[in-house]
Amino acid sequence: MSIIAFVINMIIGSLAGVFGGMGMGGGTILIPLLTIVLGVEQKLAQAINLISFLFMAVFSLIVHFKHGLVKIKGLWFMIIVGIISSLLGAFVAGKINSNLIVILNHNDMSISDILRDKSGDDTTPFINPR
């Protein structure tokens, strides 16, 4: 790996870490940068994102818990539903074309932004804003 490729990877990883640490999802920045800048295939970029998310989530949760920013009520329900949905999504992602995943990912982000803008609420239900 050249020094330039190393620096680009470090910048992409740092940006993803900052976004993930702020609770905005490192994949929001990581997947587009991996696919557009580095030319990584969509499914591989998503797999890389999932692996990096494990580490970002653990450390971010520790910090958010220490600062009292996480509400516990209803959290276990979200965790269980999230695990089941993740397993289903991983199964489906392995069966469909990468181009369809790109389209679904872009539509998901767009719909989320539109719904958040309409509600006027930019917080998630399990984060305590200060």
C-alpha atoms as a PDB file:
ATOM      1  CA  MET A   1       0.000   0.000   0.000  1.00  0.00           C
ATOM      2  CA  SER A   2       1.389   3.368  -0.991  1.00  0.00           C
ATOM      3  CA  ILE A   3       1.691   6.211   1.481  1.00  0.00           C
ATOM      4  CA  ILE A   4      -1.059   8.127  -0.354  1.00  0.00           C
ATOM      5  CA  ALA A   5      -3.453   5.166  -0.155  1.00  0.00           C
ATOM      6  CA  PHE A   6      -2.602   4.800   3.539  1.00  0.00           C
ATOM      7  CA  VAL A   7      -3.353   8.482   4.200  1.00  0.00           C
ATOM      8  CA  ILE A   8      -6.639   8.306   2.258  1.00  0.00           C
ATOM      9  CA  ASN A   9      -7.671   5.224   4.254  1.00  0.00           C
ATOM     10  CA  MET A  10      -6.782   6.980   7.514  1.00  0.00           C
ATOM     11  CA  ILE A  11      -8.835  10.048   6.556  1.00  0.00           C
ATOM     12  CA  ILE A  12     -11.842   7.928   5.560  1.00  0.00           C
ATOM     13  CA  GLY A  13     -11.585   5.865   8.755  1.00  0.00           C
ATOM     14  CA  SER A  14     -11.269   9.001  10.884  1.00  0.00           C
ATOM     15  CA  LEU A  15     -14.300  10.644   9.288  1.00  0.00           C
ATOM     16  CA  ALA A  16     -16.342   7.467   9.751  1.00  0.00           C
ATOM     17  CA  GLY A  17     -15.224   7.261  13.384  1.00  0.00           C
ATOM     18  CA  VAL A  18     -16.221  10.855  14.102  1.00  0.00           C
ATOM     19  CA  PHE A  19     -19.634  10.422  12.466  1.00  0.00           C
ATOM     20  CA  GLY A  20     -20.154   7.082  14.239  1.00  0.00           C
ATOM     21  CA  GLY A  21     -19.093   8.541  17.581  1.00  0.00           C
ATOM     22  CA  MET A  22     -21.598  11.363  17.231  1.00  0.00           C
ATOM     23  CA  GLY A  23     -24.368   8.827  16.649  1.00  0.00           C
ATOM     24  CA  MET A  24     -24.924   9.780  13.029  1.00  0.00           C
ATOM     25  CA  GLY A  25     -23.694   6.457  11.702  1.00  0.00           C
ATOM     26  CA  GLY A  26     -20.198   6.001  10.380  1.00  0.00           C
ATOM     27  CA  GLY A  27     -21.621   4.162   7.379  1.00  0.00           C
ATOM     28  CA  THR A  28     -23.225   7.404   6.238  1.00  0.00           C
ATOM     29  CA  ILE A  29     -19.758   8.583   5.296  1.00  0.00           C
ATOM     30  CA  LEU A  30     -17.822   5.296   5.131  1.00  0.00           C
ATOM     31  CA  ILE A  31     -19.826   3.442   2.474  1.00  0.00           C
ATOM     32  CA  PRO A  32     -19.966   6.309  -0.064  1.00  0.00           C
ATOM     33  CA  LEU A  33     -16.263   7.080   0.397  1.00  0.00           C
ATOM     34  CA  LEU A  34     -15.242   3.436   0.077  1.00  0.00           C
ATOM     35  CA  THR A  35     -17.303   2.955  -3.084  1.00  0.00           C
ATOM     36  CA  ILE A  36     -16.778   6.332  -4.790  1.00  0.00           C
ATOM     37  CA  VAL A  37     -13.245   7.285  -3.723  1.00  0.00           C
ATOM     38  CA  LEU A  38     -11.618   3.873  -3.362  1.00  0.00           C
ATOM     39  CA  GLY A  39     -13.743   1.940  -5.873  1.00  0.00           C
ATOM     40  CA  VAL A  40     -14.692  -0.794  -3.393  1.00  0.00           C
ATOM     41  CA  GLU A  41     -17.645  -2.979  -4.474  1.00  0.00           C
ATOM     42  CA  GLN A  42     -20.889  -2.126  -2.639  1.00  0.00           C
ATOM     43  CA  LYS A  43     -21.314  -5.417  -0.761  1.00  0.00           C
ATOM     44  CA  LEU A  44     -17.689  -5.369   0.412  1.00  0.00           C
ATOM     45  CA  ALA A  45     -18.052  -1.730   1.531  1.00  0.00           C
ATOM     46  CA  GLN A  46     -21.104  -2.691   3.574  1.00  0.00           C
ATOM     47  CA  ALA A  47     -19.251  -5.622   5.133  1.00  0.00           C
ATOM     48  CA  ILE A  48     -16.350  -3.334   6.046  1.00  0.00           C
ATOM     49  CA  ASN A  49     -18.862  -0.893   7.522  1.00  0.00           C
ATOM     50  CA  LEU A  50     -20.449  -3.599   9.665  1.00  0.00           C
ATOM     51  CA  ILE A  51     -17.093  -4.673  11.060  1.00  0.00           C
ATOM     52  CA  SER A  52     -15.999  -1.108  11.800  1.00  0.00           C
ATOM     53  CA  PHE A  53     -19.404  -0.346  13.314  1.00  0.00           C
ATOM     54  CA  LEU A  54     -18.877  -2.965  16.014  1.00  0.00           C
ATOM     55  CA  PHE A  55     -15.843  -1.112  17.336  1.00  0.00           C
ATOM     56  CA  MET A  56     -17.310   2.379  16.870  1.00  0.00           C
ATOM     57  CA  ALA A  57     -20.537   1.391  18.636  1.00  0.00           C
ATOM     58  CA  VAL A  58     -18.851  -0.146  21.667  1.00  0.00           C
ATOM     59  CA  PHE A  59     -16.635   2.842  22.373  1.00  0.00           C
ATOM     60  CA  SER A  60     -19.355   5.396  21.549  1.00  0.00           C
ATOM     61  CA  LEU A  61     -21.838   3.684  23.858  1.00  0.00           C
ATOM     62  CA  ILE A  62     -19.351   3.706  26.722  1.00  0.00           C
ATOM     63  CA  VAL A  63     -18.854   7.456  26.347  1.00  0.00           C
ATOM     64  CA  HIS A  64     -22.590   8.174  25.881  1.00  0.00           C
ATOM     65  CA  PHE A  65     -23.475   6.083  28.958  1.00  0.00           C
ATOM     66  CA  LYS A  66     -20.850   7.872  31.057  1.00  0.00           C
ATOM     67  CA  HIS A  67     -22.343  11.227  30.054  1.00  0.00           C
ATOM     68  CA  GLY A  68     -25.903  10.082  30.799  1.00  0.00           C
ATOM     69  CA  LEU A  69     -26.999  10.441  27.188  1.00  0.00           C
ATOM     70  CA  VAL A  70     -28.677   7.036  26.767  1.00  0.00           C
ATOM     71  CA  LYS A  71     -32.220   6.294  27.920  1.00  0.00           C
ATOM     72  CA  ILE A  72     -32.623   2.707  29.139  1.00  0.00           C
ATOM     73  CA  LYS A  73     -36.422   2.501  28.898  1.00  0.00           C
ATOM     74  CA  GLY A  74     -37.412   0.581  25.766  1.00  0.00           C
ATOM     75  CA  LEU A  75     -33.827  -0.127  24.822  1.00  0.00           C
ATOM     76  CA  TRP A  76     -34.024  -3.945  25.059  1.00  0.00           C
ATOM     77  CA  PHE A  77     -37.014  -4.032  22.719  1.00  0.00           C
ATOM     78  CA  MET A  78     -35.029  -2.017  20.159  1.00  0.00           C
ATOM     79  CA  ILE A  79     -32.000  -4.302  20.577  1.00  0.00           C
ATOM     80  CA  ILE A  80     -34.016  -7.486  19.994  1.00  0.00           C
ATOM     81  CA  VAL A  81     -35.859  -6.069  16.984  1.00  0.00           C
ATOM     82  CA  GLY A  82     -32.562  -4.714  15.641  1.00  0.00           C
ATOM     83  CA  ILE A  83     -30.836  -8.090  15.889  1.00  0.00           C
ATOM     84  CA  ILE A  84     -33.686  -9.895  14.134  1.00  0.00           C
ATOM     85  CA  SER A  85     -33.889  -7.225  11.419  1.00  0.00           C
ATOM     86  CA  SER A  86     -30.110  -7.276  10.934  1.00  0.00           C
ATOM     87  CA  LEU A  87     -30.095 -11.030  10.404  1.00  0.00           C
ATOM     88  CA  LEU A  88     -32.913 -10.744   7.883  1.00  0.00           C
ATOM     89  CA  GLY A  89     -31.202  -7.833   6.115  1.00  0.00           C
ATOM     90  CA  ALA A  90     -27.874  -9.675   5.912  1.00  0.00           C
ATOM     91  CA  PHE A  91     -29.604 -12.692   4.405  1.00  0.00           C
ATOM     92  CA  VAL A  92     -31.433 -10.570   1.820  1.00  0.00           C
ATOM     93  CA  ALA A  93     -28.298  -8.521   0.987  1.00  0.00           C
ATOM     94  CA  GLY A  94     -26.453 -11.722   0.158  1.00  0.00           C
ATOM     95  CA  LYS A  95     -29.150 -12.694  -2.330  1.00  0.00           C
ATOM     96  CA  ILE A  96     -29.711  -9.456  -4.274  1.00  0.00           C
ATOM     97  CA  ASN A  97     -27.690  -7.439  -6.787  1.00  0.00           C
ATOM     98  CA  SER A  98     -25.252  -4.808  -5.446  1.00  0.00           C
ATOM     99  CA  ASN A  99     -26.841  -2.123  -7.630  1.00  0.00           C
ATOM    100  CA  LEU A 100     -30.193  -2.685  -5.937  1.00  0.00           C
ATOM    101  CA  ILE A 101     -28.495  -2.309  -2.547  1.00  0.00           C
ATOM    102  CA  VAL A 102     -27.082   1.060  -3.665  1.00  0.00           C
ATOM    103  CA  ILE A 103     -30.548   2.233  -4.726  1.00  0.00           C
ATOM    104  CA  LEU A 104     -32.163   1.028  -1.496  1.00  0.00           C
ATOM    105  CA  ASN A 105     -29.436   2.665   0.608  1.00  0.00           C
ATOM    106  CA  HIS A 106     -29.823   6.030  -1.114  1.00  0.00           C
ATOM    107  CA  ASN A 107     -33.614   5.906  -0.889  1.00  0.00           C
ATOM    108  CA  ASP A 108     -33.425   4.979   2.802  1.00  0.00           C
ATOM    109  CA  MET A 109     -31.207   7.950   3.614  1.00  0.00           C
ATOM    110  CA  SER A 110     -33.383  10.313   1.559  1.00  0.00           C
ATOM    111  CA  ILE A 111     -36.622   9.136   3.174  1.00  0.00           C
ATOM    112  CA  SER A 112     -35.055   9.412   6.645  1.00  0.00           C
ATOM    113  CA  ASP A 113     -33.983  12.990   5.952  1.00  0.00           C
ATOM    114  CA  ILE A 114     -37.410  13.951   4.602  1.00  0.00           C
ATOM    115  CA  LEU A 115     -39.242  12.439   7.590  1.00  0.00           C
ATOM    116  CA  ARG A 116     -36.869  14.071  10.066  1.00  0.00           C
ATOM    117  CA  ASP A 117     -37.302  17.454   8.353  1.00  0.00           C
ATOM    118  CA  LYS A 118     -41.108  17.154   8.398  1.00  0.00           C
ATOM    119  CA  SER A 119     -41.242  16.200  12.065  1.00  0.00           C
ATOM    120  CA  GLY A 120     -38.975  19.051  13.094  1.00  0.00           C
ATOM    121  CA  ASP A 121     -37.259  16.631  15.492  1.00  0.00           C
ATOM    122  CA  ASP A 122     -33.584  15.964  14.936  1.00  0.00           C
ATOM    123  CA  THR A 123     -33.113  13.684  17.948  1.00  0.00           C
ATOM    124  CA  THR A 124     -33.473   9.946  18.259  1.00  0.00           C
ATOM    125  CA  PRO A 125     -35.723   8.428  20.963  1.00  0.00           C
ATOM    126  CA  PHE A 126     -32.854   6.951  22.990  1.00  0.00           C
ATOM    127  CA  ILE A 127     -30.512   9.933  23.098  1.00  0.00           C
ATOM    128  CA  ASN A 128     -30.976  12.564  25.821  1.00  0.00           C
ATOM    129  CA  PRO A 129     -30.160  15.949  24.309  1.00  0.00           C
ATOM    130  CA  ARG A 130     -28.445  18.345  26.693  1.00  0.00           C
END
